Protein backbone atom coordinates (compact mmCIF):
# COMPACT_ATOMS: atom_id res chain seq x y z
CA MET A 1 -59.70 61.40 -49.21
CA SER A 2 -61.10 62.94 -45.35
CA THR A 3 -62.65 61.69 -42.59
CA VAL A 4 -63.86 63.34 -39.40
CA TYR A 5 -64.88 61.37 -36.54
CA ARG A 6 -67.85 62.06 -33.92
CA ARG A 7 -65.47 62.37 -31.05
CA ARG A 8 -63.51 65.46 -29.35
CA TRP A 9 -60.56 65.45 -27.33
CA ARG A 10 -60.69 64.38 -23.92
CA PRO A 11 -58.33 64.25 -21.08
CA ASP A 12 -57.43 60.76 -21.02
CA ASP A 13 -56.79 60.97 -24.94
CA ASP A 14 -53.32 61.90 -24.14
CA ARG A 15 -52.03 57.84 -24.28
CA PHE A 16 -52.89 57.79 -27.74
CA ARG A 17 -50.65 61.23 -28.56
CA LEU A 18 -47.37 60.45 -31.58
CA GLY A 19 -45.43 64.08 -31.43
CA TYR A 20 -47.77 66.08 -33.59
CA GLY A 21 -50.90 63.96 -34.11
CA TRP A 22 -52.98 60.82 -32.72
CA ASP A 23 -53.06 57.11 -33.06
CA GLU A 24 -55.94 56.89 -34.97
CA LYS A 25 -57.66 53.97 -32.39
CA ILE A 26 -58.20 56.59 -30.67
CA ALA A 27 -61.61 57.28 -32.79
CA GLU A 28 -61.76 53.80 -35.08
CA GLN A 29 -64.65 52.60 -32.66
CA GLU A 30 -66.42 56.30 -33.01
CA PRO A 31 -69.31 57.24 -36.16
CA SER A 32 -67.43 58.79 -39.49
CA ALA A 33 -67.67 60.42 -42.57
CA THR A 34 -65.58 59.61 -45.18
CA THR A 35 -65.55 62.45 -48.48
CA ARG A 36 -63.06 62.09 -51.81
CA ALA A 37 -62.31 65.90 -52.65
CA LEU A 38 -62.27 66.42 -56.20
CA VAL A 39 -59.77 69.57 -57.17
CA GLY A 40 -61.31 72.49 -56.92
CA ASP A 41 -63.69 71.45 -54.11
CA GLY A 42 -64.02 72.32 -50.32
CA VAL A 43 -64.41 70.53 -47.41
CA PHE A 44 -65.98 72.81 -44.02
CA PHE A 45 -66.00 70.57 -41.12
CA ASP A 46 -65.47 71.05 -37.51
CA SER A 47 -61.84 70.62 -36.79
CA ARG A 48 -62.26 70.04 -32.86
CA ASN A 49 -63.14 66.47 -34.01
CA TYR A 50 -60.96 63.80 -34.60
CA HIS A 51 -60.06 63.98 -38.67
CA SER A 52 -57.47 62.29 -41.11
CA ILE A 53 -56.19 63.21 -44.35
CA ALA A 54 -54.92 60.24 -46.72
CA PRO A 55 -52.40 61.20 -49.01
CA CYS A 56 -53.89 62.15 -52.53
CA GLY A 57 -51.53 60.30 -54.71
CA PRO A 58 -49.30 61.94 -57.54
CA GLY A 59 -49.05 65.86 -57.64
CA ARG A 60 -49.46 68.25 -55.05
CA ARG A 61 -52.33 69.11 -52.35
CA VAL A 62 -52.79 72.77 -50.92
CA THR A 63 -54.85 73.38 -48.13
CA LEU A 64 -56.55 76.37 -46.06
CA SER A 65 -57.48 76.38 -42.89
CA PHE A 66 -59.39 79.04 -41.26
CA PHE A 67 -61.89 79.98 -38.41
CA LEU A 68 -65.65 80.09 -38.80
CA GLY A 69 -68.03 81.39 -36.32
CA ILE A 70 -71.38 82.70 -35.65
CA THR A 71 -72.07 85.67 -33.30
CA LEU A 72 -74.49 86.70 -30.86
CA SER A 73 -75.80 88.63 -33.68
CA GLY A 74 -76.12 85.60 -36.32
CA ARG A 75 -73.28 87.29 -38.27
CA ALA A 76 -71.08 84.79 -39.78
CA VAL A 77 -67.49 85.93 -39.11
CA VAL A 78 -63.55 84.53 -40.74
CA TRP A 79 -60.61 84.56 -38.89
CA SER A 80 -57.69 82.70 -38.48
């Protein structure tokens, strides 16, 4: 299950840092969207927003991360 919050990092947020991630309390009062992807599904979201991924249960979860942008000419570009 994936949850994306309508909140981006702010300078005062560093007090919520837990090693590599963040205390979920930082965004718990923010509007959010949650989805449960099935095998073969893709979930696209703006990774600048706080987000969390719950364990998927038995088995293996494979992720692919990349950046997607639109140029001033309207062309979509992908990079990593």
